[in-house]
Amino acid sequence: PRRAFLVALDLVRAGVVACLPFVTEIWQVYVLIFALQAASAGFTPAF
């Protein structure tokens, strides 16, 4: 369902960003950026 899909991806993006202030290593930044952009790669075309 497209509404549930878009809402879920927004929530994923919010959750990933909420983790960024707590990173202590550079590799953690890379992992979180990949996760964030994975959600955006789904959200933007669907929107």
PDB file of all heavy atoms in Angstrom:
ATOM      1  N   PRO A   1       0.845  -1.208   0.000  1.00  0.00           N
ATOM      2  CA  PRO A   1       0.000   0.000   0.000  1.00  0.00           C
ATOM      3  C   PRO A   1       0.871   1.246   0.000  1.00  0.00           C
ATOM      4  O   PRO A   1       1.771   1.377   0.838  1.00  0.00           O
ATOM      5  CB  PRO A   1      -0.798  -0.130   1.294  1.00  0.00           C
ATOM      6  CG  PRO A   1      -0.735  -1.588   1.661  1.00  0.00           C
ATOM      7  CD  PRO A   1       0.585  -2.076   1.169  1.00  0.00           C
ATOM      8  N   ARG A   2       0.599   2.175  -0.923  1.00  0.00           N
ATOM      9  CA  ARG A   2       1.538   3.271  -1.120  1.00  0.00           C
ATOM     10  C   ARG A   2       1.605   4.212   0.088  1.00  0.00           C
ATOM     11  O   ARG A   2       2.693   4.683   0.427  1.00  0.00           O
ATOM     12  CB  ARG A   2       1.192   4.033  -2.406  1.00  0.00           C
ATOM     13  CG  ARG A   2      -0.154   4.585  -2.471  1.00  0.00           C
ATOM     14  CD  ARG A   2      -0.663   5.038  -3.816  1.00  0.00           C
ATOM     15  NE  ARG A   2       0.303   5.254  -4.871  1.00  0.00           N
ATOM     16  CZ  ARG A   2      -0.039   5.653  -6.106  1.00  0.00           C
ATOM     17  NH1 ARG A   2      -1.288   5.934  -6.410  1.00  0.00           N
ATOM     18  NH2 ARG A   2       0.876   5.807  -7.007  1.00  0.00           N
ATOM     19  N   ARG A   3       0.475   4.502   0.754  1.00  0.00           N
ATOM     20  CA  ARG A   3       0.541   5.390   1.918  1.00  0.00           C
ATOM     21  C   ARG A   3       1.362   4.754   3.036  1.00  0.00           C
ATOM     22  O   ARG A   3       2.231   5.415   3.630  1.00  0.00           O
ATOM     23  CB  ARG A   3      -0.865   5.732   2.416  1.00  0.00           C
ATOM     24  CG  ARG A   3      -0.850   6.716   3.596  1.00  0.00           C
ATOM     25  CD  ARG A   3      -2.240   7.189   3.970  1.00  0.00           C
ATOM     26  NE  ARG A   3      -3.061   6.093   4.481  1.00  0.00           N
ATOM     27  CZ  ARG A   3      -4.305   6.233   4.919  1.00  0.00           C
ATOM     28  NH1 ARG A   3      -4.872   7.439   4.913  1.00  0.00           N
ATOM     29  NH2 ARG A   3      -4.989   5.183   5.353  1.00  0.00           N
ATOM     30  N   ALA A   4       1.098   3.480   3.328  1.00  0.00           N
ATOM     31  CA  ALA A   4       1.849   2.797   4.380  1.00  0.00           C
ATOM     32  C   ALA A   4       3.339   2.727   4.033  1.00  0.00           C
ATOM     33  O   ALA A   4       4.196   2.854   4.912  1.00  0.00           O
ATOM     34  CB  ALA A   4       1.289   1.388   4.588  1.00  0.00           C
ATOM     35  N   PHE A   5       3.642   2.529   2.753  1.00  0.00           N
ATOM     36  CA  PHE A   5       5.025   2.456   2.299  1.00  0.00           C
ATOM     37  C   PHE A   5       5.751   3.776   2.550  1.00  0.00           C
ATOM     38  O   PHE A   5       6.860   3.797   3.101  1.00  0.00           O
ATOM     39  CB  PHE A   5       5.044   2.098   0.806  1.00  0.00           C
ATOM     40  CG  PHE A   5       6.420   1.910   0.226  1.00  0.00           C
ATOM     41  CD1 PHE A   5       7.173   0.802   0.536  1.00  0.00           C
ATOM     42  CD2 PHE A   5       6.948   2.844  -0.651  1.00  0.00           C
ATOM     43  CE1 PHE A   5       8.440   0.617  -0.012  1.00  0.00           C
ATOM     44  CE2 PHE A   5       8.207   2.676  -1.197  1.00  0.00           C
ATOM     45  CZ  PHE A   5       8.954   1.555  -0.881  1.00  0.00           C
ATOM     46  N   LEU A   6       5.122   4.894   2.170  1.00  0.00           N
ATOM     47  CA  LEU A   6       5.747   6.205   2.350  1.00  0.00           C
ATOM     48  C   LEU A   6       5.899   6.550   3.834  1.00  0.00           C
ATOM     49  O   LEU A   6       6.944   7.061   4.260  1.00  0.00           O
ATOM     50  CB  LEU A   6       4.923   7.277   1.638  1.00  0.00           C
ATOM     51  CG  LEU A   6       4.928   7.218   0.102  1.00  0.00           C
ATOM     52  CD1 LEU A   6       3.894   8.191  -0.482  1.00  0.00           C
ATOM     53  CD2 LEU A   6       6.310   7.541  -0.440  1.00  0.00           C
ATOM     54  N   VAL A   7       4.870   6.287   4.617  1.00  0.00           N
ATOM     55  CA  VAL A   7       4.940   6.578   6.051  1.00  0.00           C
ATOM     56  C   VAL A   7       6.033   5.748   6.715  1.00  0.00           C
ATOM     57  O   VAL A   7       6.820   6.249   7.529  1.00  0.00           O
ATOM     58  CB  VAL A   7       3.576   6.327   6.723  1.00  0.00           C
ATOM     59  CG1 VAL A   7       3.709   6.384   8.248  1.00  0.00           C
ATOM     60  CG2 VAL A   7       2.556   7.361   6.247  1.00  0.00           C
ATOM     61  N   ALA A   8       6.107   4.464   6.367  1.00  0.00           N
ATOM     62  CA  ALA A   8       7.117   3.589   6.957  1.00  0.00           C
ATOM     63  C   ALA A   8       8.533   4.078   6.641  1.00  0.00           C
ATOM     64  O   ALA A   8       9.409   4.071   7.513  1.00  0.00           O
ATOM     65  CB  ALA A   8       6.922   2.160   6.459  1.00  0.00           C
ATOM     66  N   LEU A   9       8.763   4.520   5.413  1.00  0.00           N
ATOM     67  CA  LEU A   9      10.091   4.998   5.040  1.00  0.00           C
ATOM     68  C   LEU A   9      10.440   6.299   5.756  1.00  0.00           C
ATOM     69  O   LEU A   9      11.603   6.521   6.133  1.00  0.00           O
ATOM     70  CB  LEU A   9      10.187   5.178   3.526  1.00  0.00           C
ATOM     71  CG  LEU A   9      10.202   3.870   2.728  1.00  0.00           C
ATOM     72  CD1 LEU A   9      10.214   4.155   1.224  1.00  0.00           C
ATOM     73  CD2 LEU A   9      11.399   3.013   3.109  1.00  0.00           C
ATOM     74  N   ASP A  10       9.453   7.175   5.963  1.00  0.00           N
ATOM     75  CA  ASP A  10       9.701   8.382   6.755  1.00  0.00           C
ATOM     76  C   ASP A  10      10.098   8.015   8.192  1.00  0.00           C
ATOM     77  O   ASP A  10      10.992   8.624   8.778  1.00  0.00           O
ATOM     78  CB  ASP A  10       8.460   9.274   6.768  1.00  0.00           C
ATOM     79  CG  ASP A  10       8.540  10.415   5.756  1.00  0.00           C
ATOM     80  OD1 ASP A  10       9.671  10.782   5.361  1.00  0.00           O
ATOM     81  OD2 ASP A  10       7.480  10.956   5.377  1.00  0.00           O
ATOM     82  N   LEU A  11       9.423   7.024   8.755  1.00  0.00           N
ATOM     83  CA  LEU A  11       9.745   6.600  10.120  1.00  0.00           C
ATOM     84  C   LEU A  11      11.142   5.967  10.184  1.00  0.00           C
ATOM     85  O   LEU A  11      11.877   6.175  11.155  1.00  0.00           O
ATOM     86  CB  LEU A  11       8.686   5.617  10.624  1.00  0.00           C
ATOM     87  CG  LEU A  11       7.269   6.194  10.802  1.00  0.00           C
ATOM     88  CD1 LEU A  11       6.298   5.097  11.233  1.00  0.00           C
ATOM     89  CD2 LEU A  11       7.262   7.346  11.801  1.00  0.00           C
ATOM     90  N   VAL A  12      11.492   5.199   9.160  1.00  0.00           N
ATOM     91  CA  VAL A  12      12.841   4.630   9.107  1.00  0.00           C
ATOM     92  C   VAL A  12      13.879   5.746   9.050  1.00  0.00           C
ATOM     93  O   VAL A  12      14.900   5.713   9.763  1.00  0.00           O
ATOM     94  CB  VAL A  12      12.988   3.690   7.894  1.00  0.00           C
ATOM     95  CG1 VAL A  12      14.458   3.312   7.685  1.00  0.00           C
ATOM     96  CG2 VAL A  12      12.146   2.437   8.088  1.00  0.00           C
ATOM     97  N   ARG A  13      13.619   6.750   8.199  1.00  0.00           N
ATOM     98  CA  ARG A  13      14.563   7.868   8.076  1.00  0.00           C
ATOM     99  C   ARG A  13      14.705   8.598   9.412  1.00  0.00           C
ATOM    100  O   ARG A  13      15.808   8.982   9.803  1.00  0.00           O
ATOM    101  CB  ARG A  13      14.112   8.830   6.970  1.00  0.00           C
ATOM    102  CG  ARG A  13      14.151   8.193   5.589  1.00  0.00           C
ATOM    103  CD  ARG A  13      14.121   9.212   4.473  1.00  0.00           C
ATOM    104  NE  ARG A  13      12.835   9.903   4.352  1.00  0.00           N
ATOM    105  CZ  ARG A  13      12.566  10.825   3.431  1.00  0.00           C
ATOM    106  NH1 ARG A  13      13.492  11.161   2.556  1.00  0.00           N
ATOM    107  NH2 ARG A  13      11.368  11.416   3.365  1.00  0.00           N
ATOM    108  N   ALA A  14      13.601   8.810  10.099  1.00  0.00           N
ATOM    109  CA  ALA A  14      13.655   9.459  11.409  1.00  0.00           C
ATOM    110  C   ALA A  14      14.470   8.633  12.393  1.00  0.00           C
ATOM    111  O   ALA A  14      15.294   9.170  13.148  1.00  0.00           O
ATOM    112  CB  ALA A  14      12.235   9.682  11.946  1.00  0.00           C
ATOM    113  N   GLY A  15      14.269   7.316  12.405  1.00  0.00           N
ATOM    114  CA  GLY A  15      14.999   6.453  13.316  1.00  0.00           C
ATOM    115  C   GLY A  15      16.497   6.441  13.058  1.00  0.00           C
ATOM    116  O   GLY A  15      17.306   6.460  13.993  1.00  0.00           O
ATOM    117  N   VAL A  16      16.884   6.421  11.764  1.00  0.00           N
ATOM    118  CA  VAL A  16      18.304   6.415  11.421  1.00  0.00           C
ATOM    119  C   VAL A  16      18.972   7.715  11.860  1.00  0.00           C
ATOM    120  O   VAL A  16      20.046   7.706  12.465  1.00  0.00           O
ATOM    121  CB  VAL A  16      18.493   6.191   9.904  1.00  0.00           C
ATOM    122  CG1 VAL A  16      19.959   6.394   9.520  1.00  0.00           C
ATOM    123  CG2 VAL A  16      18.037   4.795   9.509  1.00  0.00           C
ATOM    124  N   VAL A  17      18.336   8.838  11.558  1.00  0.00           N
ATOM    125  CA  VAL A  17      18.918  10.137  11.930  1.00  0.00           C
ATOM    126  C   VAL A  17      19.030  10.270  13.439  1.00  0.00           C
ATOM    127  O   VAL A  17      19.992  10.852  13.957  1.00  0.00           O
ATOM    128  CB  VAL A  17      18.088  11.286  11.332  1.00  0.00           C
ATOM    129  CG1 VAL A  17      18.597  12.639  11.845  1.00  0.00           C
ATOM    130  CG2 VAL A  17      18.153  11.262   9.811  1.00  0.00           C
ATOM    131  N   ALA A  18      18.062   9.710  14.164  1.00  0.00           N
ATOM    132  CA  ALA A  18      18.102   9.779  15.632  1.00  0.00           C
ATOM    133  C   ALA A  18      19.341   9.090  16.206  1.00  0.00           C
ATOM    134  O   ALA A  18      19.767   9.406  17.325  1.00  0.00           O
ATOM    135  CB  ALA A  18      16.836   9.155  16.214  1.00  0.00           C
ATOM    136  N   CYS A  19      19.942   8.172  15.437  1.00  0.00           N
ATOM    137  CA  CYS A  19      21.146   7.471  15.896  1.00  0.00           C
ATOM    138  C   CYS A  19      22.423   8.279  15.661  1.00  0.00           C
ATOM    139  O   CYS A  19      23.445   8.028  16.330  1.00  0.00           O
ATOM    140  CB  CYS A  19      21.270   6.119  15.186  1.00  0.00           C
ATOM    141  SG  CYS A  19      19.948   4.943  15.559  1.00  0.00           S
ATOM    142  N   LEU A  20      22.401   9.222  14.732  1.00  0.00           N
ATOM    143  CA  LEU A  20      23.628   9.914  14.334  1.00  0.00           C
ATOM    144  C   LEU A  20      24.315  10.681  15.469  1.00  0.00           C
ATOM    145  O   LEU A  20      25.556  10.676  15.535  1.00  0.00           O
ATOM    146  CB  LEU A  20      23.344  10.852  13.159  1.00  0.00           C
ATOM    147  CG  LEU A  20      23.277  10.178  11.781  1.00  0.00           C
ATOM    148  CD1 LEU A  20      22.715  11.122  10.724  1.00  0.00           C
ATOM    149  CD2 LEU A  20      24.661   9.693  11.352  1.00  0.00           C
ATOM    150  N   PRO A  21      23.600  11.352  16.369  1.00  0.00           N
ATOM    151  CA  PRO A  21      24.318  12.080  17.429  1.00  0.00           C
ATOM    152  C   PRO A  21      25.129  11.182  18.360  1.00  0.00           C
ATOM    153  O   PRO A  21      25.985  11.685  19.093  1.00  0.00           O
ATOM    154  CB  PRO A  21      23.188  12.780  18.200  1.00  0.00           C
ATOM    155  CG  PRO A  21      22.035  12.825  17.265  1.00  0.00           C
ATOM    156  CD  PRO A  21      22.141  11.588  16.444  1.00  0.00           C
ATOM    157  N   PHE A  22      24.865   9.880  18.315  1.00  0.00           N
ATOM    158  CA  PHE A  22      25.497   8.983  19.277  1.00  0.00           C
ATOM    159  C   PHE A  22      26.664   8.184  18.682  1.00  0.00           C
ATOM    160  O   PHE A  22      27.235   7.341  19.382  1.00  0.00           O
ATOM    161  CB  PHE A  22      24.449   8.018  19.844  1.00  0.00           C
ATOM    162  CG  PHE A  22      23.268   8.715  20.460  1.00  0.00           C
ATOM    163  CD1 PHE A  22      22.068   8.805  19.775  1.00  0.00           C
ATOM    164  CD2 PHE A  22      23.371   9.325  21.703  1.00  0.00           C
ATOM    165  CE1 PHE A  22      20.983   9.471  20.326  1.00  0.00           C
ATOM    166  CE2 PHE A  22      22.291   9.989  22.265  1.00  0.00           C
ATOM    167  CZ  PHE A  22      21.097  10.063  21.580  1.00  0.00           C
ATOM    168  N   VAL A  23      27.027   8.428  17.427  1.00  0.00           N
ATOM    169  CA  VAL A  23      28.108   7.666  16.819  1.00  0.00           C
ATOM    170  C   VAL A  23      29.448   8.101  17.403  1.00  0.00           C
ATOM    171  O   VAL A  23      29.631   9.261  17.780  1.00  0.00           O
ATOM    172  CB  VAL A  23      28.128   7.815  15.280  1.00  0.00           C
ATOM    173  CG1 VAL A  23      26.790   7.409  14.678  1.00  0.00           C
ATOM    174  CG2 VAL A  23      28.481   9.226  14.863  1.00  0.00           C
ATOM    175  N   THR A  24      30.356   7.146  17.468  1.00  0.00           N
ATOM    176  CA  THR A  24      31.698   7.421  17.994  1.00  0.00           C
ATOM    177  C   THR A  24      32.796   7.028  17.021  1.00  0.00           C
ATOM    178  O   THR A  24      33.956   7.331  17.259  1.00  0.00           O
ATOM    179  CB  THR A  24      31.912   6.660  19.319  1.00  0.00           C
ATOM    180  OG1 THR A  24      31.684   5.259  19.103  1.00  0.00           O
ATOM    181  CG2 THR A  24      30.944   7.174  20.393  1.00  0.00           C
ATOM    182  N   GLU A  25      32.428   6.361  15.920  1.00  0.00           N
ATOM    183  CA  GLU A  25      33.395   5.905  14.938  1.00  0.00           C
ATOM    184  C   GLU A  25      32.952   6.327  13.538  1.00  0.00           C
ATOM    185  O   GLU A  25      31.745   6.408  13.263  1.00  0.00           O
ATOM    186  CB  GLU A  25      33.553   4.373  14.980  1.00  0.00           C
ATOM    187  CG  GLU A  25      33.972   3.828  16.340  1.00  0.00           C
ATOM    188  CD  GLU A  25      35.402   4.170  16.692  1.00  0.00           C
ATOM    189  OE1 GLU A  25      36.185   4.485  15.777  1.00  0.00           O
ATOM    190  OE2 GLU A  25      35.751   4.116  17.898  1.00  0.00           O
ATOM    191  N   ILE A  26      33.912   6.549  12.660  1.00  0.00           N
ATOM    192  CA  ILE A  26      33.598   7.011  11.301  1.00  0.00           C
ATOM    193  C   ILE A  26      32.799   5.956  10.542  1.00  0.00           C
ATOM    194  O   ILE A  26      31.863   6.281   9.813  1.00  0.00           O
ATOM    195  CB  ILE A  26      34.890   7.379  10.555  1.00  0.00           C
ATOM    196  CG1 ILE A  26      35.538   8.612  11.201  1.00  0.00           C
ATOM    197  CG2 ILE A  26      34.620   7.635   9.083  1.00  0.00           C
ATOM    198  CD1 ILE A  26      36.908   8.957  10.656  1.00  0.00           C
ATOM    199  N   TRP A  27      33.123   4.674  10.715  1.00  0.00           N
ATOM    200  CA  TRP A  27      32.408   3.629   9.990  1.00  0.00           C
ATOM    201  C   TRP A  27      30.924   3.618  10.332  1.00  0.00           C
ATOM    202  O   TRP A  27      30.085   3.249   9.492  1.00  0.00           O
ATOM    203  CB  TRP A  27      33.035   2.261  10.260  1.00  0.00           C
ATOM    204  CG  TRP A  27      32.881   1.730  11.665  1.00  0.00           C
ATOM    205  CD1 TRP A  27      33.768   1.855  12.686  1.00  0.00           C
ATOM    206  CD2 TRP A  27      31.770   1.003  12.190  1.00  0.00           C
ATOM    207  NE1 TRP A  27      33.279   1.267  13.829  1.00  0.00           N
ATOM    208  CE2 TRP A  27      32.062   0.716  13.545  1.00  0.00           C
ATOM    209  CE3 TRP A  27      30.555   0.562  11.665  1.00  0.00           C
ATOM    210  CZ2 TRP A  27      31.182   0.023  14.375  1.00  0.00           C
ATOM    211  CZ3 TRP A  27      29.676  -0.132  12.487  1.00  0.00           C
ATOM    212  CH2 TRP A  27      29.999  -0.394  13.825  1.00  0.00           C
ATOM    213  N   GLN A  28      30.598   4.020  11.555  1.00  0.00           N
ATOM    214  CA  GLN A  28      29.199   4.086  11.939  1.00  0.00           C
ATOM    215  C   GLN A  28      28.449   5.147  11.115  1.00  0.00           C
ATOM    216  O   GLN A  28      27.281   4.959  10.765  1.00  0.00           O
ATOM    217  CB  GLN A  28      29.085   4.383  13.429  1.00  0.00           C
ATOM    218  CG  GLN A  28      29.664   3.285  14.317  1.00  0.00           C
ATOM    219  CD  GLN A  28      29.796   3.710  15.777  1.00  0.00           C
ATOM    220  OE1 GLN A  28      29.640   4.881  16.129  1.00  0.00           O
ATOM    221  NE2 GLN A  28      30.090   2.750  16.650  1.00  0.00           N
ATOM    222  N   VAL A  29      29.131   6.245  10.830  1.00  0.00           N
ATOM    223  CA  VAL A  29      28.545   7.272   9.961  1.00  0.00           C
ATOM    224  C   VAL A  29      28.216   6.681   8.599  1.00  0.00           C
ATOM    225  O   VAL A  29      27.118   6.885   8.051  1.00  0.00           O
ATOM    226  CB  VAL A  29      29.500   8.474   9.806  1.00  0.00           C
ATOM    227  CG1 VAL A  29      28.922   9.490   8.811  1.00  0.00           C
ATOM    228  CG2 VAL A  29      29.738   9.141  11.146  1.00  0.00           C
ATOM    229  N   TYR A  30      29.144   5.932   8.035  1.00  0.00           N
ATOM    230  CA  TYR A  30      28.940   5.357   6.710  1.00  0.00           C
ATOM    231  C   TYR A  30      27.752   4.392   6.696  1.00  0.00           C
ATOM    232  O   TYR A  30      26.927   4.408   5.771  1.00  0.00           O
ATOM    233  CB  TYR A  30      30.204   4.636   6.244  1.00  0.00           C
ATOM    234  CG  TYR A  30      31.422   5.512   6.087  1.00  0.00           C
ATOM    235  CD1 TYR A  30      32.705   4.991   6.186  1.00  0.00           C
ATOM    236  CD2 TYR A  30      31.287   6.870   5.847  1.00  0.00           C
ATOM    237  CE1 TYR A  30      33.818   5.789   6.036  1.00  0.00           C
ATOM    238  CE2 TYR A  30      32.409   7.684   5.690  1.00  0.00           C
ATOM    239  CZ  TYR A  30      33.676   7.132   5.799  1.00  0.00           C
ATOM    240  OH  TYR A  30      34.786   7.926   5.646  1.00  0.00           O
ATOM    241  N   VAL A  31      27.653   3.555   7.719  1.00  0.00           N
ATOM    242  CA  VAL A  31      26.547   2.603   7.795  1.00  0.00           C
ATOM    243  C   VAL A  31      25.205   3.331   7.884  1.00  0.00           C
ATOM    244  O   VAL A  31      24.239   2.992   7.186  1.00  0.00           O
ATOM    245  CB  VAL A  31      26.733   1.657   8.996  1.00  0.00           C
ATOM    246  CG1 VAL A  31      25.475   0.811   9.217  1.00  0.00           C
ATOM    247  CG2 VAL A  31      27.935   0.748   8.791  1.00  0.00           C
ATOM    248  N   LEU A  32      25.145   4.338   8.743  1.00  0.00           N
ATOM    249  CA  LEU A  32      23.888   5.061   8.922  1.00  0.00           C
ATOM    250  C   LEU A  32      23.519   5.870   7.686  1.00  0.00           C
ATOM    251  O   LEU A  32      22.332   5.950   7.329  1.00  0.00           O
ATOM    252  CB  LEU A  32      23.989   5.973  10.149  1.00  0.00           C
ATOM    253  CG  LEU A  32      24.029   5.244  11.499  1.00  0.00           C
ATOM    254  CD1 LEU A  32      24.312   6.228  12.632  1.00  0.00           C
ATOM    255  CD2 LEU A  32      22.710   4.513  11.762  1.00  0.00           C
ATOM    256  N   ILE A  33      24.493   6.460   7.002  1.00  0.00           N
ATOM    257  CA  ILE A  33      24.211   7.206   5.776  1.00  0.00           C
ATOM    258  C   ILE A  33      23.671   6.272   4.699  1.00  0.00           C
ATOM    259  O   ILE A  33      22.734   6.606   3.967  1.00  0.00           O
ATOM    260  CB  ILE A  33      25.476   7.935   5.281  1.00  0.00           C
ATOM    261  CG1 ILE A  33      25.811   9.089   6.215  1.00  0.00           C
ATOM    262  CG2 ILE A  33      25.282   8.461   3.847  1.00  0.00           C
ATOM    263  CD1 ILE A  33      24.740  10.162   6.307  1.00  0.00           C
ATOM    264  N   PHE A  34      24.242   5.069   4.602  1.00  0.00           N
ATOM    265  CA  PHE A  34      23.732   4.100   3.628  1.00  0.00           C
ATOM    266  C   PHE A  34      22.288   3.728   3.962  1.00  0.00           C
ATOM    267  O   PHE A  34      21.431   3.668   3.068  1.00  0.00           O
ATOM    268  CB  PHE A  34      24.610   2.847   3.602  1.00  0.00           C
ATOM    269  CG  PHE A  34      24.209   1.866   2.533  1.00  0.00           C
ATOM    270  CD1 PHE A  34      24.704   1.981   1.238  1.00  0.00           C
ATOM    271  CD2 PHE A  34      23.332   0.831   2.810  1.00  0.00           C
ATOM    272  CE1 PHE A  34      24.328   1.091   0.245  1.00  0.00           C
ATOM    273  CE2 PHE A  34      22.943  -0.065   1.824  1.00  0.00           C
ATOM    274  CZ  PHE A  34      23.453   0.062   0.539  1.00  0.00           C
ATOM    275  N   ALA A  35      21.994   3.482   5.239  1.00  0.00           N
ATOM    276  CA  ALA A  35      20.629   3.128   5.639  1.00  0.00           C
ATOM    277  C   ALA A  35      19.661   4.272   5.360  1.00  0.00           C
ATOM    278  O   ALA A  35      18.551   4.059   4.871  1.00  0.00           O
ATOM    279  CB  ALA A  35      20.604   2.767   7.125  1.00  0.00           C
ATOM    280  N   LEU A  36      20.098   5.499   5.668  1.00  0.00           N
ATOM    281  CA  LEU A  36      19.257   6.668   5.429  1.00  0.00           C
ATOM    282  C   LEU A  36      18.952   6.825   3.944  1.00  0.00           C
ATOM    283  O   LEU A  36      17.796   7.045   3.552  1.00  0.00           O
ATOM    284  CB  LEU A  36      19.949   7.923   5.961  1.00  0.00           C
ATOM    285  CG  LEU A  36      19.247   9.267   5.731  1.00  0.00           C
ATOM    286  CD1 LEU A  36      17.905   9.298   6.438  1.00  0.00           C
ATOM    287  CD2 LEU A  36      20.125  10.426   6.210  1.00  0.00           C
ATOM    288  N   GLN A  37      19.976   6.683   3.114  1.00  0.00           N
ATOM    289  CA  GLN A  37      19.762   6.873   1.688  1.00  0.00           C
ATOM    290  C   GLN A  37      19.011   5.713   1.060  1.00  0.00           C
ATOM    291  O   GLN A  37      18.304   5.895   0.070  1.00  0.00           O
ATOM    292  CB  GLN A  37      21.096   7.082   0.969  1.00  0.00           C
ATOM    293  CG  GLN A  37      20.948   7.806  -0.366  1.00  0.00           C
ATOM    294  CD  GLN A  37      20.272   9.159  -0.220  1.00  0.00           C
ATOM    295  OE1 GLN A  37      20.391   9.822   0.820  1.00  0.00           O
ATOM    296  NE2 GLN A  37      19.552   9.577  -1.260  1.00  0.00           N
ATOM    297  N   ALA A  38      19.135   4.522   1.638  1.00  0.00           N
ATOM    298  CA  ALA A  38      18.339   3.395   1.160  1.00  0.00           C
ATOM    299  C   ALA A  38      16.850   3.699   1.318  1.00  0.00           C
ATOM    300  O   ALA A  38      16.039   3.438   0.425  1.00  0.00           O
ATOM    301  CB  ALA A  38      18.715   2.125   1.917  1.00  0.00           C
ATOM    302  N   ALA A  39      16.482   4.277   2.466  1.00  0.00           N
ATOM    303  CA  ALA A  39      15.087   4.663   2.679  1.00  0.00           C
ATOM    304  C   ALA A  39      14.672   5.785   1.728  1.00  0.00           C
ATOM    305  O   ALA A  39      13.571   5.766   1.170  1.00  0.00           O
ATOM    306  CB  ALA A  39      14.882   5.089   4.133  1.00  0.00           C
ATOM    307  N   SER A  40      15.550   6.762   1.518  1.00  0.00           N
ATOM    308  CA  SER A  40      15.239   7.865   0.605  1.00  0.00           C
ATOM    309  C   SER A  40      15.135   7.389  -0.838  1.00  0.00           C
ATOM    310  O   SER A  40      14.327   7.901  -1.613  1.00  0.00           O
ATOM    311  CB  SER A  40      16.302   8.961   0.716  1.00  0.00           C
ATOM    312  OG  SER A  40      16.257   9.587   1.991  1.00  0.00           O
ATOM    313  N   ALA A  41      15.950   6.386  -1.214  1.00  0.00           N
ATOM    314  CA  ALA A  41      15.897   5.841  -2.566  1.00  0.00           C
ATOM    315  C   ALA A  41      14.561   5.160  -2.837  1.00  0.00           C
ATOM    316  O   ALA A  41      14.133   5.053  -3.990  1.00  0.00           O
ATOM    317  CB  ALA A  41      17.037   4.846  -2.786  1.00  0.00           C
ATOM    318  N   GLY A  42      13.906   4.701  -1.788  1.00  0.00           N
ATOM    319  CA  GLY A  42      12.564   4.160  -1.940  1.00  0.00           C
ATOM    320  C   GLY A  42      11.496   5.232  -1.877  1.00  0.00           C
ATOM    321  O   GLY A  42      10.516   5.214  -2.638  1.00  0.00           O
ATOM    322  N   PHE A  43      11.686   6.200  -0.983  1.00  0.00           N
ATOM    323  CA  PHE A  43      10.670   7.219  -0.760  1.00  0.00           C
ATOM    324  C   PHE A  43      10.514   8.156  -1.956  1.00  0.00           C
ATOM    325  O   PHE A  43       9.385   8.407  -2.416  1.00  0.00           O
ATOM    326  CB  PHE A  43      11.023   8.030   0.492  1.00  0.00           C
ATOM    327  CG  PHE A  43      10.004   9.076   0.844  1.00  0.00           C
ATOM    328  CD1 PHE A  43       8.995   8.802   1.745  1.00  0.00           C
ATOM    329  CD2 PHE A  43      10.047  10.341   0.287  1.00  0.00           C
ATOM    330  CE1 PHE A  43       8.046   9.760   2.076  1.00  0.00           C
ATOM    331  CE2 PHE A  43       9.104  11.302   0.610  1.00  0.00           C
ATOM    332  CZ  PHE A  43       8.099  11.009   1.508  1.00  0.00           C
ATOM    333  N   THR A  44      11.625   8.679  -2.475  1.00  0.00           N
ATOM    334  CA  THR A  44      11.543   9.738  -3.483  1.00  0.00           C
ATOM    335  C   THR A  44      10.811   9.309  -4.749  1.00  0.00           C
ATOM    336  O   THR A  44       9.875   9.999  -5.186  1.00  0.00           O
ATOM    337  CB  THR A  44      12.950  10.265  -3.810  1.00  0.00           C
ATOM    338  OG1 THR A  44      13.556  10.768  -2.611  1.00  0.00           O
ATOM    339  CG2 THR A  44      12.884  11.388  -4.846  1.00  0.00           C
ATOM    340  N   PRO A  45      11.181   8.188  -5.405  1.00  0.00           N
ATOM    341  CA  PRO A  45      10.425   7.804  -6.603  1.00  0.00           C
ATOM    342  C   PRO A  45       8.964   7.489  -6.321  1.00  0.00           C
ATOM    343  O   PRO A  45       8.091   7.815  -7.132  1.00  0.00           O
ATOM    344  CB  PRO A  45      11.175   6.556  -7.106  1.00  0.00           C
ATOM    345  CG  PRO A  45      12.536   6.637  -6.500  1.00  0.00           C
ATOM    346  CD  PRO A  45      12.318   7.292  -5.170  1.00  0.00           C
ATOM    347  N   ALA A  46       8.678   6.851  -5.178  1.00  0.00           N
ATOM    348  CA  ALA A  46       7.289   6.540  -4.833  1.00  0.00           C
ATOM    349  C   ALA A  46       6.480   7.814  -4.635  1.00  0.00           C
ATOM    350  O   ALA A  46       5.326   7.914  -5.069  1.00  0.00           O
ATOM    351  CB  ALA A  46       7.238   5.667  -3.580  1.00  0.00           C
ATOM    352  N   PHE A  47       7.058   8.800  -3.972  1.00  0.00           N
ATOM    353  CA  PHE A  47       6.400  10.093  -3.782  1.00  0.00           C
ATOM    354  C   PHE A  47       6.152  10.762  -5.130  1.00  0.00           C
ATOM    355  O   PHE A  47       5.064  11.290  -5.389  1.00  0.00           O
ATOM    356  CB  PHE A  47       7.266  10.979  -2.888  1.00  0.00           C
ATOM    357  CG  PHE A  47       6.686  12.336  -2.611  1.00  0.00           C
ATOM    358  CD1 PHE A  47       5.868  12.545  -1.507  1.00  0.00           C
ATOM    359  CD2 PHE A  47       6.953  13.420  -3.438  1.00  0.00           C
ATOM    360  CE1 PHE A  47       5.330  13.797  -1.240  1.00  0.00           C
ATOM    361  CE2 PHE A  47       6.423  14.666  -3.180  1.00  0.00           C
ATOM    362  CZ  PHE A  47       5.613  14.857  -2.082  1.00  0.00           C
TER     363      PHE A  47
END
